Amino acid sequence: MPSIKTSTESGQPQPSRSHRRAYCYEALELATLIASLVTAAAVAGSVLFLARQTSQSVEQFFVANELAGARALAQGYELWDHVITRFIDYPELRQYFYEGVEPPEDSTARARVLAMTELIGDALQSTDWLYQGKDVALLGSVDPALDIRSDWDDWTKFILTMSPVMRSFVRDHPLQYPFLTRMLDTIESATTG
C-alpha cells in the first residue's frame, strides 16, 4: 500500500508560522477590500434608487395636486351652476347682484333675494375652500390661457362690488364667509384709500 507523504517528507519546506500569519492577513485585507467595494456599490445603488423614487414621488405629487385642482374646479362650477339655474328660474333676481340694485321692500321678493344671496355666498366661499392647498394654476398646462384662480377672484370681486345685498350679507356673517370678508375688506380699502 502506498504511503501518503507530508510536505516535510516530500522535501518541500513547510511555511513558517509568521508566513502563514502574513498570508492570512493578506487574504483578510483582500476580503475586506472586496467587501468594502461591494458595500460602496450597494450604497451607491441605494442612493440612485432613492433618488429615482423621490423623483417619481414628486411627479406623483404634482399629478395628484393637478387632479385635485381639476376636481375643485369642477365642484366650484357645479356650485355655480345651482346659482345660474336660480337666475334662469327667477331672472328678476339678477339686478340685485349684477346691477347694484338695493334689495326690495316686499317681504316675499326680499326673502327670495336673501335666499339667493346665501346661495351665491355659499358657492363663492365653498369654491375658495375647495381651492385651498390645490394648485389650480397647474391646470394652465392644459390650456395656457387658463388662469382659474385669478378669474374666480375677479368674479368674486365683481359680485361684491356690484351687489349691496351681498356686501351687507357678508358683513353680517364674517365667520361663515372669511374669504368673502377678506375680499370685501380689500375692495373697500382700495376704494377708500
N, C-alpha and C. Protein backbone atom coordinates (compact mmCIF):
# COMPACT_ATOMS: atom_id res chain seq x y z
N MET A 1 0.84 -1.16 0.00
CA MET A 1 0.00 0.00 0.00
C MET A 1 0.89 1.23 0.00
N PRO A 2 0.60 2.16 -0.87
CA PRO A 2 1.46 3.34 -0.96
C PRO A 2 1.23 4.22 0.26
N SER A 3 2.25 4.85 0.67
CA SER A 3 2.14 5.74 1.84
C SER A 3 1.94 7.18 1.40
N ILE A 4 1.24 7.93 2.23
CA ILE A 4 0.99 9.34 1.95
C ILE A 4 2.10 10.13 2.58
N LYS A 5 2.73 10.98 1.78
CA LYS A 5 3.85 11.75 2.28
C LYS A 5 3.39 13.14 2.67
N THR A 6 3.92 13.65 3.74
CA THR A 6 3.64 15.02 4.16
C THR A 6 4.62 15.93 3.45
N SER A 7 4.40 17.21 3.55
CA SER A 7 5.25 18.16 2.85
C SER A 7 6.69 18.09 3.33
N THR A 8 6.91 17.72 4.57
CA THR A 8 8.28 17.61 5.05
C THR A 8 8.93 16.35 4.51
N GLU A 9 8.14 15.32 4.31
CA GLU A 9 8.69 14.08 3.78
C GLU A 9 8.97 14.18 2.29
N SER A 10 8.20 15.08 1.58
CA SER A 10 8.41 15.20 0.16
C SER A 10 9.58 16.11 -0.16
N GLY A 11 10.15 16.71 0.83
CA GLY A 11 11.31 17.52 0.63
C GLY A 11 11.04 19.00 0.46
N GLN A 12 9.81 19.36 0.51
CA GLN A 12 9.49 20.79 0.39
C GLN A 12 9.43 21.39 1.78
N PRO A 13 9.97 22.60 1.89
CA PRO A 13 9.95 23.21 3.22
C PRO A 13 8.53 23.65 3.58
N GLN A 14 8.18 23.47 4.83
CA GLN A 14 6.88 23.88 5.32
C GLN A 14 6.97 25.36 5.70
N PRO A 15 5.90 26.20 5.29
CA PRO A 15 5.98 27.63 5.61
C PRO A 15 5.98 27.83 7.11
N SER A 16 6.70 28.85 7.49
CA SER A 16 6.77 29.15 8.92
C SER A 16 5.45 29.74 9.39
N ARG A 17 5.33 29.78 10.68
CA ARG A 17 4.11 30.29 11.28
C ARG A 17 3.92 31.77 10.91
N SER A 18 4.93 32.59 10.89
CA SER A 18 4.80 34.01 10.56
C SER A 18 4.39 34.18 9.09
N HIS A 19 4.87 33.29 8.20
CA HIS A 19 4.45 33.37 6.80
C HIS A 19 2.97 33.04 6.64
N ARG A 20 2.54 32.03 7.40
CA ARG A 20 1.12 31.67 7.34
C ARG A 20 0.27 32.82 7.88
N ARG A 21 0.74 33.44 8.93
CA ARG A 21 0.01 34.57 9.52
C ARG A 21 -0.03 35.74 8.53
N ALA A 22 1.06 36.04 7.86
CA ALA A 22 1.10 37.12 6.87
C ALA A 22 0.16 36.80 5.71
N TYR A 23 0.16 35.52 5.30
CA TYR A 23 -0.74 35.12 4.23
C TYR A 23 -2.21 35.33 4.65
N CYS A 24 -2.54 34.98 5.87
CA CYS A 24 -3.91 35.16 6.39
C CYS A 24 -4.27 36.65 6.43
N TYR A 25 -3.33 37.48 6.88
CA TYR A 25 -3.59 38.93 6.91
C TYR A 25 -3.83 39.48 5.51
N GLU A 26 -3.03 39.03 4.54
CA GLU A 26 -3.21 39.49 3.17
C GLU A 26 -4.58 39.04 2.63
N ALA A 27 -4.93 37.81 2.91
CA ALA A 27 -6.22 37.30 2.45
C ALA A 27 -7.37 38.08 3.13
N LEU A 28 -7.19 38.37 4.41
CA LEU A 28 -8.20 39.13 5.15
C LEU A 28 -8.30 40.55 4.60
N GLU A 29 -7.16 41.17 4.30
CA GLU A 29 -7.18 42.51 3.71
C GLU A 29 -7.88 42.51 2.35
N LEU A 30 -7.61 41.50 1.54
CA LEU A 30 -8.24 41.39 0.24
C LEU A 30 -9.76 41.18 0.40
N ALA A 31 -10.16 40.35 1.32
CA ALA A 31 -11.59 40.10 1.57
C ALA A 31 -12.26 41.39 2.07
N THR A 32 -11.55 42.13 2.94
CA THR A 32 -12.09 43.39 3.45
C THR A 32 -12.25 44.41 2.33
N LEU A 33 -11.26 44.48 1.45
CA LEU A 33 -11.32 45.39 0.31
C LEU A 33 -12.50 45.04 -0.61
N ILE A 34 -12.67 43.76 -0.88
CA ILE A 34 -13.78 43.32 -1.73
C ILE A 34 -15.12 43.63 -1.06
N ALA A 35 -15.22 43.36 0.23
CA ALA A 35 -16.46 43.65 0.97
C ALA A 35 -16.74 45.15 0.97
N SER A 36 -15.71 45.97 1.12
CA SER A 36 -15.88 47.41 1.10
C SER A 36 -16.36 47.90 -0.26
N LEU A 37 -15.79 47.34 -1.33
CA LEU A 37 -16.22 47.72 -2.67
C LEU A 37 -17.66 47.31 -2.93
N VAL A 38 -18.01 46.11 -2.49
CA VAL A 38 -19.40 45.64 -2.67
C VAL A 38 -20.35 46.54 -1.86
N THR A 39 -19.97 46.89 -0.63
CA THR A 39 -20.79 47.76 0.21
C THR A 39 -20.94 49.14 -0.42
N ALA A 40 -19.83 49.70 -0.92
CA ALA A 40 -19.89 51.01 -1.57
C ALA A 40 -20.79 50.97 -2.80
N ALA A 41 -20.70 49.90 -3.57
CA ALA A 41 -21.56 49.77 -4.75
C ALA A 41 -23.02 49.65 -4.33
N ALA A 42 -23.29 48.92 -3.26
CA ALA A 42 -24.67 48.78 -2.77
C ALA A 42 -25.20 50.11 -2.28
N VAL A 43 -24.37 50.87 -1.56
CA VAL A 43 -24.80 52.19 -1.07
C VAL A 43 -25.07 53.12 -2.26
N ALA A 44 -24.17 53.12 -3.25
CA ALA A 44 -24.37 53.97 -4.42
C ALA A 44 -25.65 53.56 -5.16
N GLY A 45 -25.88 52.26 -5.30
CA GLY A 45 -27.10 51.79 -5.94
C GLY A 45 -28.34 52.20 -5.14
N SER A 46 -28.27 52.12 -3.82
CA SER A 46 -29.40 52.53 -2.98
C SER A 46 -29.68 54.01 -3.11
N VAL A 47 -28.61 54.81 -3.16
CA VAL A 47 -28.79 56.26 -3.30
C VAL A 47 -29.42 56.58 -4.66
N LEU A 48 -28.96 55.93 -5.70
CA LEU A 48 -29.55 56.15 -7.03
C LEU A 48 -31.02 55.71 -7.07
N PHE A 49 -31.32 54.58 -6.44
CA PHE A 49 -32.70 54.10 -6.39
C PHE A 49 -33.57 55.07 -5.58
N LEU A 50 -33.05 55.56 -4.47
CA LEU A 50 -33.79 56.53 -3.65
C LEU A 50 -34.03 57.82 -4.43
N ALA A 51 -33.04 58.28 -5.18
CA ALA A 51 -33.20 59.49 -5.99
C ALA A 51 -34.30 59.28 -7.03
N ARG A 52 -34.33 58.12 -7.64
CA ARG A 52 -35.37 57.83 -8.64
C ARG A 52 -36.74 57.77 -7.98
N GLN A 53 -36.82 57.12 -6.81
CA GLN A 53 -38.09 57.05 -6.08
C GLN A 53 -38.58 58.44 -5.69
N THR A 54 -37.66 59.28 -5.23
CA THR A 54 -38.01 60.64 -4.84
C THR A 54 -38.53 61.41 -6.05
N SER A 55 -37.86 61.27 -7.16
CA SER A 55 -38.29 61.94 -8.39
C SER A 55 -39.69 61.48 -8.78
N GLN A 56 -39.94 60.19 -8.70
CA GLN A 56 -41.27 59.66 -9.02
C GLN A 56 -42.32 60.14 -8.03
N SER A 57 -41.95 60.23 -6.76
CA SER A 57 -42.89 60.71 -5.74
C SER A 57 -43.26 62.17 -5.98
N VAL A 58 -42.28 62.97 -6.35
CA VAL A 58 -42.55 64.38 -6.64
C VAL A 58 -43.48 64.49 -7.85
N GLU A 59 -43.20 63.69 -8.86
CA GLU A 59 -44.06 63.71 -10.05
C GLU A 59 -45.48 63.28 -9.70
N GLN A 60 -45.61 62.23 -8.87
CA GLN A 60 -46.93 61.77 -8.43
C GLN A 60 -47.64 62.87 -7.65
N PHE A 61 -46.91 63.58 -6.79
CA PHE A 61 -47.50 64.66 -6.02
C PHE A 61 -48.08 65.73 -6.94
N PHE A 62 -47.33 66.12 -7.97
CA PHE A 62 -47.81 67.15 -8.89
C PHE A 62 -49.05 66.68 -9.66
N VAL A 63 -49.04 65.43 -10.08
CA VAL A 63 -50.19 64.90 -10.80
C VAL A 63 -51.41 64.85 -9.87
N ALA A 64 -51.21 64.38 -8.65
CA ALA A 64 -52.32 64.31 -7.69
C ALA A 64 -52.86 65.70 -7.37
N ASN A 65 -51.96 66.66 -7.24
CA ASN A 65 -52.38 68.03 -6.94
C ASN A 65 -53.14 68.62 -8.12
N GLU A 66 -52.68 68.32 -9.33
CA GLU A 66 -53.38 68.81 -10.51
C GLU A 66 -54.77 68.19 -10.62
N LEU A 67 -54.88 66.91 -10.31
CA LEU A 67 -56.19 66.25 -10.33
C LEU A 67 -57.10 66.83 -9.25
N ALA A 68 -56.54 67.09 -8.08
CA ALA A 68 -57.34 67.70 -7.01
C ALA A 68 -57.80 69.10 -7.43
N GLY A 69 -56.94 69.83 -8.09
CA GLY A 69 -57.32 71.16 -8.60
C GLY A 69 -58.43 71.06 -9.63
N ALA A 70 -58.34 70.06 -10.50
CA ALA A 70 -59.38 69.87 -11.51
C ALA A 70 -60.71 69.51 -10.84
N ARG A 71 -60.65 68.65 -9.80
CA ARG A 71 -61.87 68.31 -9.07
C ARG A 71 -62.45 69.53 -8.38
N ALA A 72 -61.59 70.33 -7.77
CA ALA A 72 -62.06 71.55 -7.09
C ALA A 72 -62.70 72.49 -8.10
N LEU A 73 -62.09 72.62 -9.25
CA LEU A 73 -62.65 73.48 -10.30
C LEU A 73 -64.02 72.97 -10.73
N ALA A 74 -64.12 71.67 -10.95
CA ALA A 74 -65.40 71.09 -11.37
C ALA A 74 -66.47 71.28 -10.30
N GLN A 75 -66.09 71.09 -9.04
CA GLN A 75 -67.06 71.27 -7.95
C GLN A 75 -67.47 72.74 -7.83
N GLY A 76 -66.52 73.64 -8.03
CA GLY A 76 -66.84 75.06 -8.00
C GLY A 76 -67.84 75.44 -9.08
N TYR A 77 -67.60 74.93 -10.28
CA TYR A 77 -68.53 75.21 -11.38
C TYR A 77 -69.90 74.57 -11.12
N GLU A 78 -69.87 73.40 -10.49
CA GLU A 78 -71.13 72.73 -10.16
C GLU A 78 -71.94 73.58 -9.16
N LEU A 79 -71.25 74.14 -8.17
CA LEU A 79 -71.93 75.03 -7.22
C LEU A 79 -72.51 76.25 -7.94
N TRP A 80 -71.70 76.80 -8.84
CA TRP A 80 -72.17 77.99 -9.55
C TRP A 80 -73.32 77.66 -10.50
N ASP A 81 -73.37 76.42 -11.00
CA ASP A 81 -74.50 76.00 -11.84
C ASP A 81 -75.82 76.10 -11.09
N HIS A 82 -75.80 75.82 -9.79
CA HIS A 82 -77.03 75.97 -8.98
C HIS A 82 -77.48 77.43 -8.97
N VAL A 83 -76.51 78.33 -8.88
CA VAL A 83 -76.84 79.76 -8.89
C VAL A 83 -77.44 80.14 -10.24
N ILE A 84 -76.81 79.71 -11.31
CA ILE A 84 -77.29 80.04 -12.66
C ILE A 84 -78.70 79.49 -12.87
N THR A 85 -78.95 78.29 -12.38
CA THR A 85 -80.29 77.71 -12.50
C THR A 85 -81.34 78.59 -11.82
N ARG A 86 -81.00 79.14 -10.66
CA ARG A 86 -81.94 80.03 -9.96
C ARG A 86 -82.15 81.33 -10.75
N PHE A 87 -81.08 81.82 -11.38
CA PHE A 87 -81.23 83.02 -12.21
C PHE A 87 -82.11 82.74 -13.42
N ILE A 88 -82.04 81.53 -13.93
CA ILE A 88 -82.92 81.16 -15.05
C ILE A 88 -84.37 81.10 -14.57
N ASP A 89 -84.56 80.49 -13.38
CA ASP A 89 -85.92 80.39 -12.84
C ASP A 89 -86.48 81.74 -12.41
N TYR A 90 -85.61 82.61 -11.90
CA TYR A 90 -86.04 83.92 -11.39
C TYR A 90 -85.13 85.02 -11.96
N PRO A 91 -85.30 85.36 -13.23
CA PRO A 91 -84.41 86.34 -13.87
C PRO A 91 -84.47 87.72 -13.21
N GLU A 92 -85.52 88.04 -12.53
CA GLU A 92 -85.62 89.34 -11.86
C GLU A 92 -84.62 89.49 -10.72
N LEU A 93 -84.01 88.40 -10.28
CA LEU A 93 -83.02 88.46 -9.18
C LEU A 93 -81.66 88.98 -9.66
N ARG A 94 -81.35 88.86 -10.92
CA ARG A 94 -80.03 89.26 -11.44
C ARG A 94 -79.69 90.70 -11.09
N GLN A 95 -80.65 91.59 -11.15
CA GLN A 95 -80.38 93.01 -10.91
C GLN A 95 -79.79 93.27 -9.52
N TYR A 96 -80.09 92.43 -8.54
CA TYR A 96 -79.60 92.64 -7.18
C TYR A 96 -78.14 92.21 -7.02
N PHE A 97 -77.63 91.50 -8.01
CA PHE A 97 -76.25 91.00 -7.93
C PHE A 97 -75.34 91.55 -9.03
N TYR A 98 -75.94 91.98 -10.14
CA TYR A 98 -75.15 92.46 -11.28
C TYR A 98 -75.32 93.94 -11.58
N GLU A 99 -76.35 94.55 -11.04
CA GLU A 99 -76.64 95.93 -11.43
C GLU A 99 -76.65 96.91 -10.26
N GLY A 100 -76.30 96.47 -9.08
CA GLY A 100 -76.20 97.37 -7.93
C GLY A 100 -77.53 97.80 -7.34
N VAL A 101 -78.60 97.09 -7.61
CA VAL A 101 -79.93 97.45 -7.11
C VAL A 101 -80.05 97.00 -5.65
N GLU A 102 -80.60 97.88 -4.82
CA GLU A 102 -80.84 97.56 -3.40
C GLU A 102 -81.93 96.49 -3.30
N PRO A 103 -81.92 95.71 -2.21
CA PRO A 103 -82.95 94.67 -2.07
C PRO A 103 -84.35 95.28 -1.98
N PRO A 104 -85.37 94.55 -2.44
CA PRO A 104 -86.73 95.08 -2.46
C PRO A 104 -87.33 95.16 -1.06
N GLU A 105 -88.38 95.96 -0.92
CA GLU A 105 -89.09 96.10 0.35
C GLU A 105 -90.11 94.99 0.54
N ASP A 106 -90.70 94.50 -0.55
CA ASP A 106 -91.71 93.44 -0.48
C ASP A 106 -91.11 92.22 0.21
N SER A 107 -91.79 91.70 1.23
CA SER A 107 -91.22 90.63 2.06
C SER A 107 -90.96 89.34 1.27
N THR A 108 -91.84 88.97 0.36
CA THR A 108 -91.65 87.75 -0.43
C THR A 108 -90.46 87.92 -1.37
N ALA A 109 -90.39 89.02 -2.08
CA ALA A 109 -89.28 89.27 -3.01
C ALA A 109 -87.97 89.41 -2.22
N ARG A 110 -88.02 90.07 -1.08
CA ARG A 110 -86.83 90.24 -0.24
C ARG A 110 -86.31 88.87 0.24
N ALA A 111 -87.23 88.01 0.67
CA ALA A 111 -86.84 86.67 1.13
C ALA A 111 -86.16 85.89 0.00
N ARG A 112 -86.67 86.02 -1.22
CA ARG A 112 -86.09 85.33 -2.37
C ARG A 112 -84.68 85.88 -2.65
N VAL A 113 -84.53 87.21 -2.58
CA VAL A 113 -83.21 87.83 -2.81
C VAL A 113 -82.22 87.38 -1.73
N LEU A 114 -82.66 87.34 -0.47
CA LEU A 114 -81.77 86.91 0.61
C LEU A 114 -81.39 85.44 0.48
N ALA A 115 -82.33 84.61 0.05
CA ALA A 115 -82.01 83.19 -0.17
C ALA A 115 -80.98 83.06 -1.29
N MET A 116 -81.15 83.84 -2.35
CA MET A 116 -80.20 83.82 -3.46
C MET A 116 -78.84 84.35 -3.00
N THR A 117 -78.85 85.35 -2.14
CA THR A 117 -77.61 85.90 -1.60
C THR A 117 -76.84 84.82 -0.84
N GLU A 118 -77.55 84.06 -0.04
CA GLU A 118 -76.89 82.99 0.72
C GLU A 118 -76.37 81.91 -0.21
N LEU A 119 -77.12 81.56 -1.23
CA LEU A 119 -76.68 80.57 -2.21
C LEU A 119 -75.41 81.04 -2.92
N ILE A 120 -75.38 82.29 -3.33
CA ILE A 120 -74.18 82.83 -4.01
C ILE A 120 -73.01 82.89 -3.02
N GLY A 121 -73.27 83.34 -1.81
CA GLY A 121 -72.20 83.39 -0.80
C GLY A 121 -71.62 82.01 -0.54
N ASP A 122 -72.48 81.01 -0.41
CA ASP A 122 -72.00 79.64 -0.20
C ASP A 122 -71.18 79.15 -1.39
N ALA A 123 -71.64 79.44 -2.59
CA ALA A 123 -70.91 78.99 -3.78
C ALA A 123 -69.53 79.64 -3.86
N LEU A 124 -69.46 80.94 -3.61
CA LEU A 124 -68.17 81.64 -3.68
C LEU A 124 -67.23 81.20 -2.56
N GLN A 125 -67.74 81.11 -1.34
CA GLN A 125 -66.90 80.71 -0.20
C GLN A 125 -66.47 79.25 -0.33
N SER A 126 -67.39 78.37 -0.69
CA SER A 126 -67.06 76.94 -0.82
C SER A 126 -66.01 76.71 -1.88
N THR A 127 -66.10 77.42 -2.97
CA THR A 127 -65.10 77.25 -4.02
C THR A 127 -63.73 77.66 -3.53
N ASP A 128 -63.66 78.74 -2.74
CA ASP A 128 -62.38 79.12 -2.17
C ASP A 128 -61.84 78.00 -1.27
N TRP A 129 -62.69 77.42 -0.46
CA TRP A 129 -62.25 76.30 0.39
C TRP A 129 -61.83 75.11 -0.45
N LEU A 130 -62.53 74.84 -1.53
CA LEU A 130 -62.15 73.73 -2.41
C LEU A 130 -60.77 73.96 -3.01
N TYR A 131 -60.43 75.22 -3.30
CA TYR A 131 -59.14 75.54 -3.91
C TYR A 131 -58.00 75.52 -2.90
N GLN A 132 -58.30 75.53 -1.61
CA GLN A 132 -57.25 75.58 -0.59
C GLN A 132 -56.30 74.40 -0.76
N GLY A 133 -55.01 74.71 -0.85
CA GLY A 133 -53.98 73.67 -0.94
C GLY A 133 -53.91 72.96 -2.27
N LYS A 134 -54.68 73.41 -3.24
CA LYS A 134 -54.65 72.77 -4.56
C LYS A 134 -54.16 73.80 -5.56
N ASP A 135 -53.22 73.37 -6.35
CA ASP A 135 -52.64 74.30 -7.32
C ASP A 135 -53.46 74.27 -8.60
N VAL A 136 -54.57 75.00 -8.59
CA VAL A 136 -55.42 75.02 -9.78
C VAL A 136 -54.71 75.72 -10.93
N ALA A 137 -53.64 76.48 -10.63
CA ALA A 137 -52.87 77.12 -11.69
C ALA A 137 -52.18 76.09 -12.57
N LEU A 138 -51.93 74.89 -12.01
CA LEU A 138 -51.32 73.83 -12.82
C LEU A 138 -52.21 73.42 -13.98
N LEU A 139 -53.50 73.70 -13.87
CA LEU A 139 -54.40 73.37 -14.97
C LEU A 139 -54.09 74.22 -16.19
N GLY A 140 -53.34 75.29 -16.00
CA GLY A 140 -52.90 76.11 -17.11
C GLY A 140 -52.01 75.34 -18.07
N SER A 141 -51.42 74.21 -17.60
CA SER A 141 -50.61 73.40 -18.50
C SER A 141 -51.49 72.74 -19.56
N VAL A 142 -52.77 72.56 -19.26
CA VAL A 142 -53.70 72.02 -20.24
C VAL A 142 -54.10 73.11 -21.23
N ASP A 143 -54.36 74.29 -20.69
CA ASP A 143 -54.73 75.45 -21.51
C ASP A 143 -53.96 76.65 -20.97
N PRO A 144 -52.88 77.06 -21.62
CA PRO A 144 -52.04 78.14 -21.10
C PRO A 144 -52.78 79.46 -20.88
N ALA A 145 -53.90 79.68 -21.54
CA ALA A 145 -54.65 80.91 -21.36
C ALA A 145 -55.53 80.85 -20.10
N LEU A 146 -55.59 79.70 -19.47
CA LEU A 146 -56.47 79.48 -18.33
C LEU A 146 -55.82 79.99 -17.05
N ASP A 147 -56.44 80.96 -16.39
CA ASP A 147 -55.97 81.45 -15.10
C ASP A 147 -57.16 81.38 -14.14
N ILE A 148 -57.43 80.19 -13.67
CA ILE A 148 -58.65 79.88 -12.96
C ILE A 148 -58.80 80.68 -11.68
N ARG A 149 -57.78 80.63 -10.83
CA ARG A 149 -57.91 81.28 -9.53
C ARG A 149 -58.12 82.79 -9.70
N SER A 150 -57.36 83.39 -10.56
CA SER A 150 -57.50 84.82 -10.80
C SER A 150 -58.89 85.16 -11.34
N ASP A 151 -59.38 84.34 -12.26
CA ASP A 151 -60.72 84.56 -12.81
C ASP A 151 -61.78 84.45 -11.73
N TRP A 152 -61.64 83.45 -10.86
CA TRP A 152 -62.62 83.27 -9.78
C TRP A 152 -62.58 84.45 -8.81
N ASP A 153 -61.37 84.90 -8.49
CA ASP A 153 -61.24 86.07 -7.59
C ASP A 153 -61.85 87.31 -8.24
N ASP A 154 -61.62 87.49 -9.54
CA ASP A 154 -62.22 88.64 -10.24
C ASP A 154 -63.74 88.56 -10.21
N TRP A 155 -64.27 87.37 -10.40
CA TRP A 155 -65.73 87.19 -10.37
C TRP A 155 -66.28 87.52 -8.98
N THR A 156 -65.59 87.05 -7.95
CA THR A 156 -66.00 87.32 -6.57
C THR A 156 -65.97 88.82 -6.30
N LYS A 157 -64.91 89.48 -6.73
CA LYS A 157 -64.83 90.95 -6.55
C LYS A 157 -65.97 91.65 -7.28
N PHE A 158 -66.28 91.18 -8.47
CA PHE A 158 -67.37 91.80 -9.24
C PHE A 158 -68.69 91.69 -8.47
N ILE A 159 -69.01 90.48 -7.99
CA ILE A 159 -70.27 90.29 -7.26
C ILE A 159 -70.30 91.16 -6.01
N LEU A 160 -69.20 91.19 -5.26
CA LEU A 160 -69.16 92.00 -4.04
C LEU A 160 -69.24 93.50 -4.35
N THR A 161 -68.65 93.91 -5.43
CA THR A 161 -68.68 95.33 -5.82
C THR A 161 -70.07 95.75 -6.29
N MET A 162 -70.73 94.90 -7.05
CA MET A 162 -72.00 95.27 -7.68
C MET A 162 -73.23 95.02 -6.81
N SER A 163 -73.12 94.22 -5.76
CA SER A 163 -74.31 93.81 -5.02
C SER A 163 -74.33 94.35 -3.59
N PRO A 164 -75.15 95.37 -3.34
CA PRO A 164 -75.27 95.88 -1.96
C PRO A 164 -75.77 94.81 -0.99
N VAL A 165 -76.68 93.95 -1.43
CA VAL A 165 -77.22 92.92 -0.55
C VAL A 165 -76.14 91.90 -0.20
N MET A 166 -75.25 91.59 -1.14
CA MET A 166 -74.17 90.64 -0.88
C MET A 166 -73.16 91.24 0.11
N ARG A 167 -72.84 92.51 -0.06
CA ARG A 167 -71.91 93.16 0.88
C ARG A 167 -72.49 93.16 2.29
N SER A 168 -73.75 93.50 2.42
CA SER A 168 -74.40 93.53 3.72
C SER A 168 -74.43 92.13 4.34
N PHE A 169 -74.74 91.14 3.52
CA PHE A 169 -74.81 89.75 3.99
C PHE A 169 -73.44 89.28 4.50
N VAL A 170 -72.39 89.58 3.76
CA VAL A 170 -71.04 89.17 4.17
C VAL A 170 -70.65 89.86 5.48
N ARG A 171 -70.97 91.14 5.61
CA ARG A 171 -70.66 91.87 6.84
C ARG A 171 -71.43 91.30 8.03
N ASP A 172 -72.64 90.80 7.79
CA ASP A 172 -73.44 90.22 8.87
C ASP A 172 -72.97 88.82 9.27
N HIS A 173 -72.20 88.15 8.41
CA HIS A 173 -71.76 86.76 8.66
C HIS A 173 -70.26 86.58 8.36
N PRO A 174 -69.40 87.34 9.02
CA PRO A 174 -67.96 87.26 8.67
C PRO A 174 -67.31 85.91 9.00
N LEU A 175 -67.79 85.22 10.02
CA LEU A 175 -67.18 83.93 10.37
C LEU A 175 -67.57 82.83 9.39
N GLN A 176 -68.74 82.93 8.82
CA GLN A 176 -69.18 81.93 7.84
C GLN A 176 -68.53 82.15 6.48
N TYR A 177 -68.14 83.38 6.21
CA TYR A 177 -67.62 83.72 4.88
C TYR A 177 -66.29 84.47 5.00
N PRO A 178 -65.25 83.81 5.55
CA PRO A 178 -63.97 84.51 5.76
C PRO A 178 -63.31 84.98 4.46
N PHE A 179 -63.38 84.18 3.41
CA PHE A 179 -62.80 84.58 2.13
C PHE A 179 -63.51 85.81 1.58
N LEU A 180 -64.82 85.79 1.62
CA LEU A 180 -65.59 86.93 1.11
C LEU A 180 -65.36 88.17 1.97
N THR A 181 -65.20 87.97 3.28
CA THR A 181 -64.93 89.10 4.17
C THR A 181 -63.58 89.73 3.84
N ARG A 182 -62.55 88.89 3.65
CA ARG A 182 -61.22 89.41 3.28
C ARG A 182 -61.28 90.13 1.94
N MET A 183 -61.99 89.54 1.00
CA MET A 183 -62.12 90.15 -0.33
C MET A 183 -62.84 91.49 -0.23
N LEU A 184 -63.90 91.53 0.57
CA LEU A 184 -64.65 92.78 0.75
C LEU A 184 -63.79 93.84 1.43
N ASP A 185 -63.00 93.44 2.42
CA ASP A 185 -62.07 94.38 3.08
C ASP A 185 -61.09 94.96 2.06
N THR A 186 -60.57 94.10 1.18
CA THR A 186 -59.63 94.57 0.14
C THR A 186 -60.31 95.56 -0.79
N ILE A 187 -61.51 95.25 -1.20
CA ILE A 187 -62.26 96.14 -2.11
C ILE A 187 -62.51 97.49 -1.44
N GLU A 188 -62.97 97.45 -0.21
CA GLU A 188 -63.30 98.69 0.50
C GLU A 188 -62.06 99.52 0.80
N SER A 189 -60.95 98.86 1.14
CA SER A 189 -59.72 99.63 1.41
C SER A 189 -59.17 100.25 0.13
N ALA A 190 -59.38 99.61 -1.01
CA ALA A 190 -58.93 100.15 -2.28
C ALA A 190 -59.77 101.35 -2.71
N THR A 191 -61.05 101.32 -2.37
CA THR A 191 -61.94 102.43 -2.79
C THR A 191 -61.88 103.62 -1.83
N THR A 192 -61.53 103.35 -0.55
CA THR A 192 -61.44 104.46 0.41
C THR A 192 -60.03 105.02 0.51
N GLY A 193 -59.03 104.24 0.12
CA GLY A 193 -57.64 104.67 0.30
C GLY A 193 -57.04 105.24 -0.89
